[in-house]
Amino acid sequence: MATIDLAPFLYDNQIWASAPCRIDMGGTLDIKTFYYPLGYLAPCTVNLALNLRTTVRLHPFHKGVVKISSKGFQSAEFPLAAAPFRHPLGLMFAVAAYFQTTGVHIDIQSTSPPRSSLGGSSVAAVALIAALSHACNHIGHQAPLQQTEMAILAHGLEESVAGVPCGMQDQLSAVYGGIHGWQWPQKVGDPPFRPKQLLKAPESIALSEQVLVAYAGIPHESKNINGLWIDQFLAGKTRSQWIDIVRCAQNFASALENRQIDAAVSAMNQEMAIRKHMTPDVLDNLGNRLVDTAVENRCGAKVSGAGGGGCLWAFGSVAEISRLKPKWKALLSERKDGRLLDVMIDPEGVKWGMETPD
């Protein structure tokens, strides 16, 4: 396949795409290491997409070269054939290599904090795949990818570049948005995921008043905690705990779908307690205080993603979340960069378009 020089097209047309990040229940169960051995239990993961979106814009650049800029990273440019995948922006270079596109400056803008455990790198990959697919279609090189194809490609590239097992929840939430339960394969031949929309768009948006998301002021490194969970599971040390986490995720999905707030809160707190027991480092001192305060105020609280820094989120009735909000805000003020994030549930997934450059 010959490389595709996008520069001539991008001088007259600016392509953009954006996708939402997420908070979750039952994360880690989206990794094959877990969902195949536990398939007989029908494991699932629940995602709530947030309106903290990552936007990718494509600008013209030198022929044969790809440049990537993203806040929090040093900009990098390489000839496509020499673009490194073991690089802070390596996943984005891998996406460009898949499409064999050059002559492009990829500008990534995220409204979520860097390394906040909200799925940021996966969201950026989904948005970039949508943008490049859209651009290649416009110049007649290929039909645009469908939603399922975008999620599978983004996950496959990330897992390959990371060199460790990765889940698919981040990519799916970025592609589909809204509030979904993802059913993972139970046997060979099953599709890679089965989606279930737990709440329709108006109900999802209304649920925003029952959710708090806190950035604890320190970035996370998901592979550290996930790696420990995988090692424990492979060694046979934590199978019973993960069976309980499967049930927590299932109970949360059912409770959310049926608007049973107390049951959803209970499932969240049970899952957080199990993860904390397996790996105390999943929460630091501030994280423990945030979770304890939520529980004391009849709310559920847990880490987003693998924890170990990044974000935590809380769920409860409108009245209880309103009472919890100033208490979390006061706790977060003790740490530089700690803060509540201004979020709503985003019913939309990845979207893209074309504009005339300024």
Protein backbone atom coordinates (compact mmCIF):
# COMPACT_ATOMS: atom_id res chain seq x y z
CA MET A 1 0.00 0.00 0.00
CA ALA A 2 1.43 3.35 -1.05
CA THR A 3 1.52 6.14 1.49
CA ILE A 4 -1.21 8.77 1.29
CA ASP A 5 -0.11 12.39 1.25
CA LEU A 6 -2.91 14.31 2.96
CA ALA A 7 -1.34 17.75 2.70
CA PRO A 8 -2.93 18.84 -0.64
CA PHE A 9 -6.41 17.96 0.68
CA LEU A 10 -5.82 19.51 4.12
CA TYR A 11 -4.76 22.88 2.69
CA ASP A 12 -8.38 23.35 1.65
CA ASN A 13 -10.19 21.19 4.20
CA GLN A 14 -9.66 20.82 7.94
CA ILE A 15 -10.83 17.48 9.33
CA TRP A 16 -11.71 17.17 13.02
CA ALA A 17 -13.05 14.44 15.28
CA SER A 18 -13.84 14.27 18.99
CA ALA A 19 -14.73 11.56 21.51
CA PRO A 20 -15.69 11.42 25.21
CA CYS A 21 -13.78 9.94 28.14
CA ARG A 22 -15.46 7.74 30.77
CA ILE A 23 -15.92 6.59 34.35
CA ASP A 24 -16.51 2.90 35.00
CA MET A 25 -17.63 -0.05 37.07
CA GLY A 26 -16.15 -3.49 36.53
CA GLY A 27 -13.03 -2.22 34.79
CA THR A 28 -10.24 -4.79 34.25
CA LEU A 29 -12.90 -7.40 33.45
CA ASP A 30 -12.60 -6.11 29.87
CA ILE A 31 -9.16 -7.77 29.62
CA LYS A 32 -9.01 -11.24 28.03
CA THR A 33 -6.91 -12.50 30.94
CA PHE A 34 -10.02 -12.11 33.10
CA TYR A 35 -13.09 -12.46 30.92
CA TYR A 36 -12.24 -15.80 29.29
CA PRO A 37 -11.54 -17.74 32.52
CA LEU A 38 -14.56 -16.01 34.11
CA GLY A 39 -16.73 -16.35 31.01
CA TYR A 40 -19.10 -18.79 32.69
CA LEU A 41 -20.18 -15.88 34.93
CA ALA A 42 -21.01 -13.55 31.99
CA PRO A 43 -18.71 -10.70 33.11
CA CYS A 44 -19.58 -7.14 32.13
CA THR A 45 -18.20 -3.62 32.47
CA VAL A 46 -20.30 -0.45 32.81
CA ASN A 47 -19.22 2.88 31.32
CA LEU A 48 -20.64 6.36 31.78
CA ALA A 49 -19.27 8.66 29.06
CA LEU A 50 -18.34 12.18 30.15
CA ASN A 51 -18.44 15.44 28.23
CA LEU A 52 -14.70 15.91 28.77
CA ARG A 53 -13.93 15.32 25.12
CA THR A 54 -10.67 14.93 23.25
CA THR A 55 -10.59 16.66 19.87
CA VAL A 56 -8.18 15.87 17.03
CA ARG A 57 -7.62 18.27 14.13
CA LEU A 58 -5.65 17.47 10.99
CA HIS A 59 -3.49 20.20 9.43
CA PRO A 60 -1.22 20.01 6.35
CA PHE A 61 2.46 19.28 6.92
CA HIS A 62 5.59 18.26 5.01
CA LYS A 63 5.18 15.42 2.54
CA GLY A 64 6.33 12.08 3.94
CA VAL A 65 6.31 13.35 7.55
CA VAL A 66 3.86 13.05 10.44
CA LYS A 67 3.85 15.63 13.23
CA ILE A 68 1.90 15.18 16.46
CA SER A 69 1.18 17.84 19.09
CA SER A 70 -0.63 17.18 22.34
CA LYS A 71 -0.81 19.25 25.54
CA GLY A 72 1.48 17.81 28.20
CA PHE A 73 3.82 16.22 25.64
CA GLN A 74 6.68 17.57 23.58
CA SER A 75 5.65 17.79 19.92
CA ALA A 76 7.27 15.16 17.72
CA GLU A 77 7.69 14.71 13.97
CA PHE A 78 9.09 11.75 12.05
CA PRO A 79 9.08 10.29 8.56
CA LEU A 80 6.25 7.75 8.67
CA ALA A 81 8.54 4.76 8.07
CA ALA A 82 10.72 5.76 11.03
CA ALA A 83 7.96 6.85 13.43
CA PRO A 84 8.60 5.22 16.83
CA PHE A 85 5.78 3.37 18.54
CA ARG A 86 7.69 3.18 21.84
CA HIS A 87 7.32 6.90 22.40
CA PRO A 88 5.00 9.00 24.58
CA LEU A 89 2.97 9.62 21.40
CA GLY A 90 3.68 6.21 19.92
CA LEU A 91 0.06 5.09 19.81
CA MET A 92 -0.82 8.08 17.65
CA PHE A 93 2.07 7.33 15.29
CA ALA A 94 0.82 3.73 15.12
CA VAL A 95 -2.62 4.96 14.04
CA ALA A 96 -1.03 7.08 11.30
CA ALA A 97 1.01 4.05 10.21
CA TYR A 98 -2.14 1.91 9.96
CA PHE A 99 -3.69 4.41 7.53
CA GLN A 100 -0.29 5.05 5.85
CA THR A 101 -0.95 8.78 5.97
CA THR A 102 1.76 11.46 5.77
CA GLY A 103 1.87 15.20 5.17
CA VAL A 104 -0.22 15.73 8.28
CA HIS A 105 0.12 17.61 11.54
CA ILE A 106 -2.10 15.89 14.13
CA ASP A 107 -3.16 18.35 16.84
CA ILE A 108 -4.72 16.72 19.94
CA GLN A 109 -6.62 18.82 22.49
CA SER A 110 -8.06 17.18 25.60
CA THR A 111 -10.36 18.73 28.19
CA SER A 112 -9.60 16.03 30.79
CA PRO A 113 -6.49 16.20 33.01
CA PRO A 114 -3.50 14.26 31.65
CA ARG A 115 -3.17 10.69 32.97
CA SER A 116 -6.41 11.10 34.91
CA SER A 117 -7.56 7.45 34.58
CA LEU A 118 -10.48 8.51 32.39
CA GLY A 119 -9.19 6.65 29.30
CA GLY A 120 -7.51 9.66 27.66
CA SER A 121 -5.00 7.95 25.35
CA SER A 122 -7.61 5.49 24.10
CA VAL A 123 -10.06 8.34 23.49
CA ALA A 124 -7.43 10.23 21.48
CA ALA A 125 -6.76 7.12 19.40
CA VAL A 126 -10.47 6.71 18.63
CA ALA A 127 -10.77 10.38 17.62
CA LEU A 128 -7.66 10.13 15.42
CA ILE A 129 -8.92 6.96 13.75
CA ALA A 130 -12.22 8.71 13.00
CA ALA A 131 -10.43 11.77 11.60
CA LEU A 132 -8.01 9.81 9.38
CA SER A 133 -10.73 7.43 8.21
CA HIS A 134 -12.88 10.43 7.29
CA ALA A 135 -9.98 12.14 5.49
CA CYS A 136 -9.02 9.03 3.53
CA ASN A 137 -12.63 8.53 2.49
CA HIS A 138 -12.91 12.10 1.22
CA ILE A 139 -9.95 11.65 -1.10
CA GLY A 140 -11.26 8.33 -2.37
CA HIS A 141 -8.87 5.88 -0.71
CA GLN A 142 -11.29 3.82 1.36
CA ALA A 143 -14.79 3.64 2.80
CA PRO A 144 -15.06 5.13 6.30
CA LEU A 145 -14.74 2.72 9.21
CA GLN A 146 -17.88 1.77 11.10
CA GLN A 147 -18.21 2.21 14.88
CA THR A 148 -17.34 -1.38 15.77
CA GLU A 149 -14.34 -1.29 13.45
CA MET A 150 -13.05 1.91 15.07
CA ALA A 151 -13.23 0.39 18.55
CA ILE A 152 -11.56 -2.88 17.54
CA LEU A 153 -8.79 -1.09 15.63
CA ALA A 154 -8.09 1.39 18.46
CA HIS A 155 -7.93 -1.44 20.99
CA GLY A 156 -5.76 -3.66 18.79
CA LEU A 157 -3.23 -0.92 18.14
CA GLU A 158 -3.08 0.13 21.80
CA GLU A 159 -2.57 -3.42 23.05
CA SER A 160 0.13 -4.03 20.44
CA VAL A 161 1.99 -0.81 21.19
CA ALA A 162 1.67 -1.20 24.98
CA GLY A 163 3.01 -4.74 24.90
CA VAL A 164 0.70 -5.73 27.79
CA PRO A 165 -2.92 -6.94 27.96
CA CYS A 166 -5.33 -4.02 27.57
CA GLY A 167 -9.09 -3.79 27.97
CA MET A 168 -11.56 -2.36 25.46
CA GLN A 169 -13.87 -0.32 27.69
CA ASP A 170 -12.16 3.01 26.97
CA GLN A 171 -12.42 2.63 23.21
CA LEU A 172 -16.04 1.46 23.34
CA SER A 173 -17.18 4.33 25.53
CA ALA A 174 -15.35 6.77 23.27
CA VAL A 175 -17.03 5.35 20.18
CA TYR A 176 -20.58 4.92 21.52
CA GLY A 177 -20.90 7.46 24.37
CA GLY A 178 -23.82 7.37 26.78
CA ILE A 179 -24.26 4.77 29.53
CA HIS A 180 -23.63 1.19 28.44
CA GLY A 181 -23.02 -2.21 29.88
CA TRP A 182 -20.52 -4.21 27.83
CA GLN A 183 -20.91 -7.99 27.90
CA TRP A 184 -17.60 -9.76 27.26
CA PRO A 185 -17.21 -13.05 25.34
CA GLN A 186 -18.15 -16.22 27.17
CA LYS A 187 -16.89 -18.66 24.56
CA VAL A 188 -14.96 -18.86 21.30
CA GLY A 189 -17.10 -17.54 18.46
CA ASP A 190 -18.83 -14.87 20.52
CA PRO A 191 -18.49 -11.30 19.26
CA PRO A 192 -15.75 -9.27 21.00
CA PHE A 193 -18.43 -7.40 22.96
CA ARG A 194 -22.19 -7.07 23.27
CA PRO A 195 -23.49 -3.58 24.06
CA LYS A 196 -26.52 -2.81 26.20
CA GLN A 197 -27.67 0.78 26.53
CA LEU A 198 -28.67 1.07 30.18
CA LEU A 199 -30.28 4.51 29.97
CA LYS A 200 -31.56 6.53 27.02
CA ALA A 201 -30.02 9.92 26.24
CA PRO A 202 -32.45 12.13 28.26
CA GLU A 203 -32.16 9.86 31.31
CA SER A 204 -28.39 9.76 30.95
CA ILE A 205 -28.13 13.54 30.93
CA ALA A 206 -30.43 13.79 33.96
CA LEU A 207 -28.22 11.33 35.84
CA SER A 208 -25.41 13.90 35.71
CA GLU A 209 -26.85 15.50 38.88
CA GLN A 210 -26.16 12.24 40.72
CA VAL A 211 -22.47 12.00 39.79
CA LEU A 212 -19.32 13.67 41.10
CA VAL A 213 -15.89 13.25 39.50
CA ALA A 214 -12.79 14.29 41.42
CA TYR A 215 -9.25 14.65 40.13
CA ALA A 216 -7.03 13.81 43.09
CA GLY A 217 -4.18 16.00 41.86
CA ILE A 218 -1.67 13.29 40.96
CA PRO A 219 -1.46 11.36 37.66
CA HIS A 220 -1.92 7.62 37.54
CA GLU A 221 0.05 4.86 35.85
CA SER A 222 -2.58 2.24 35.00
CA LYS A 223 -0.14 -0.51 34.05
CA ASN A 224 1.27 -0.56 37.60
CA ILE A 225 -2.00 -1.50 39.32
CA ASN A 226 -3.38 -3.49 36.39
CA GLY A 227 -0.12 -5.40 36.15
CA LEU A 228 -0.38 -6.38 39.81
CA TRP A 229 -4.01 -7.45 39.39
CA ILE A 230 -3.06 -9.57 36.38
CA ASP A 231 -0.12 -11.19 38.21
CA GLN A 232 -2.31 -11.99 41.24
CA PHE A 233 -5.04 -13.44 39.05
CA LEU A 234 -2.64 -15.56 37.00
CA ALA A 235 -1.12 -16.91 40.21
CA GLY A 236 -4.57 -18.03 41.38
CA LYS A 237 -4.46 -15.78 44.45
CA THR A 238 -7.50 -13.57 43.81
CA ARG A 239 -10.00 -15.61 41.77
CA SER A 240 -12.73 -15.39 44.42
CA GLN A 241 -12.33 -11.61 44.64
CA TRP A 242 -12.74 -11.23 40.89
CA ILE A 243 -15.81 -13.44 40.94
CA ASP A 244 -17.24 -11.00 43.48
CA ILE A 245 -16.28 -8.05 41.26
CA VAL A 246 -18.16 -9.66 38.36
CA ARG A 247 -21.26 -9.77 40.55
CA CYS A 248 -20.76 -6.18 41.68
CA ALA A 249 -20.61 -4.98 38.07
CA GLN A 250 -23.68 -7.01 37.12
CA ASN A 251 -25.61 -5.70 40.13
CA PHE A 252 -24.60 -2.12 39.35
CA ALA A 253 -25.72 -2.45 35.72
CA SER A 254 -29.09 -3.84 36.77
CA ALA A 255 -29.55 -1.23 39.49
CA LEU A 256 -28.67 1.64 37.18
CA GLU A 257 -31.00 0.39 34.45
CA ASN A 258 -33.86 0.14 36.97
CA ARG A 259 -32.94 3.39 38.79
CA GLN A 260 -32.37 1.57 42.08
CA ILE A 261 -29.99 4.07 43.69
CA ASP A 262 -29.32 2.24 46.95
CA ALA A 263 -28.46 -1.00 45.14
CA ALA A 264 -26.10 0.85 42.77
CA VAL A 265 -24.37 2.58 45.69
CA SER A 266 -23.96 -0.75 47.50
CA ALA A 267 -22.43 -2.43 44.43
CA MET A 268 -19.95 0.45 43.97
CA ASN A 269 -18.80 0.35 47.57
CA GLN A 270 -18.46 -3.42 47.57
CA GLU A 271 -16.29 -3.32 44.45
CA MET A 272 -14.10 -0.54 45.86
CA ALA A 273 -13.61 -2.46 49.11
CA ILE A 274 -12.55 -5.59 47.21
CA ARG A 275 -10.03 -3.70 45.06
CA LYS A 276 -8.63 -1.93 48.10
CA HIS A 277 -8.22 -5.25 49.90
CA MET A 278 -6.35 -6.76 46.93
CA THR A 279 -4.15 -3.70 46.35
CA PRO A 280 -4.09 -1.06 49.10
CA ASP A 281 -2.06 1.24 46.79
CA VAL A 282 -5.12 1.66 44.57
CA LEU A 283 -5.96 4.57 46.91
CA ASP A 284 -3.61 7.02 48.57
CA ASN A 285 -4.45 8.84 51.82
CA LEU A 286 -6.56 11.49 50.11
CA GLY A 287 -8.32 8.85 48.02
CA ASN A 288 -9.19 6.88 51.14
CA ARG A 289 -10.63 9.98 52.79
CA LEU A 290 -12.70 10.81 49.71
CA VAL A 291 -14.12 7.28 49.57
CA ASP A 292 -14.79 7.16 53.33
CA THR A 293 -16.56 10.53 53.21
CA ALA A 294 -18.75 9.36 50.35
CA VAL A 295 -19.72 6.18 52.20
CA GLU A 296 -20.49 8.17 55.36
CA ASN A 297 -22.85 10.30 53.25
CA ARG A 298 -24.70 7.31 51.76
CA CYS A 299 -23.02 7.59 48.36
CA GLY A 300 -21.01 5.10 46.36
CA ALA A 301 -17.40 5.94 45.46
CA LYS A 302 -14.59 4.22 43.61
CA VAL A 303 -11.53 4.87 41.51
CA SER A 304 -11.89 5.40 37.80
CA GLY A 305 -10.01 2.78 35.79
CA ALA A 306 -7.15 1.18 37.66
CA GLY A 307 -6.70 3.95 40.19
CA GLY A 308 -3.32 4.59 41.76
CA GLY A 309 -3.83 8.31 41.13
CA GLY A 310 -6.05 10.10 38.66
CA CYS A 311 -9.79 10.36 39.25
CA LEU A 312 -12.38 8.98 41.62
CA TRP A 313 -16.12 9.24 41.17
CA ALA A 314 -19.18 9.18 43.39
CA PHE A 315 -22.81 8.29 42.80
CA GLY A 316 -25.95 8.75 44.89
CA SER A 317 -29.28 10.50 45.06
CA VAL A 318 -29.42 14.15 44.02
CA ALA A 319 -29.78 15.24 47.66
CA GLU A 320 -26.91 13.07 48.93
CA ILE A 321 -24.56 14.09 46.11
CA SER A 322 -25.41 17.74 46.84
CA ARG A 323 -24.39 17.21 50.46
CA LEU A 324 -21.23 15.35 49.47
CA LYS A 325 -20.05 17.93 46.93
CA PRO A 326 -18.77 20.63 49.35
CA LYS A 327 -17.12 17.97 51.52
CA TRP A 328 -15.21 16.52 48.58
CA LYS A 329 -14.34 20.02 47.43
CA ALA A 330 -12.85 20.82 50.84
CA LEU A 331 -10.79 17.62 50.90
CA LEU A 332 -9.47 18.21 47.39
CA SER A 333 -8.42 21.77 48.26
CA GLU A 334 -5.72 20.27 50.51
CA ARG A 335 -3.75 19.16 47.47
CA LYS A 336 -2.38 21.30 44.68
CA ASP A 337 -4.22 20.52 41.43
CA GLY A 338 -6.87 18.50 43.28
CA ARG A 339 -10.35 19.56 42.22
CA LEU A 340 -13.85 18.53 41.26
CA LEU A 341 -14.31 18.30 37.50
CA ASP A 342 -17.25 20.02 35.84
CA VAL A 343 -18.83 17.07 34.06
CA MET A 344 -22.06 15.81 32.57
CA ILE A 345 -22.93 12.46 31.06
CA ASP A 346 -22.30 12.70 27.32
CA PRO A 347 -24.93 10.79 25.31
CA GLU A 348 -22.88 11.08 22.12
CA GLY A 349 -19.86 9.06 21.12
CA VAL A 350 -17.25 9.84 18.52
CA LYS A 351 -18.19 12.44 15.93
CA TRP A 352 -16.34 14.11 13.11
CA GLY A 353 -16.63 16.78 10.48
CA MET A 354 -14.89 19.03 7.96
CA GLU A 355 -14.31 22.79 8.04
CA THR A 356 -12.67 25.36 5.81
CA PRO A 357 -9.30 26.38 7.30
CA ASP A 358 -8.94 29.96 8.55
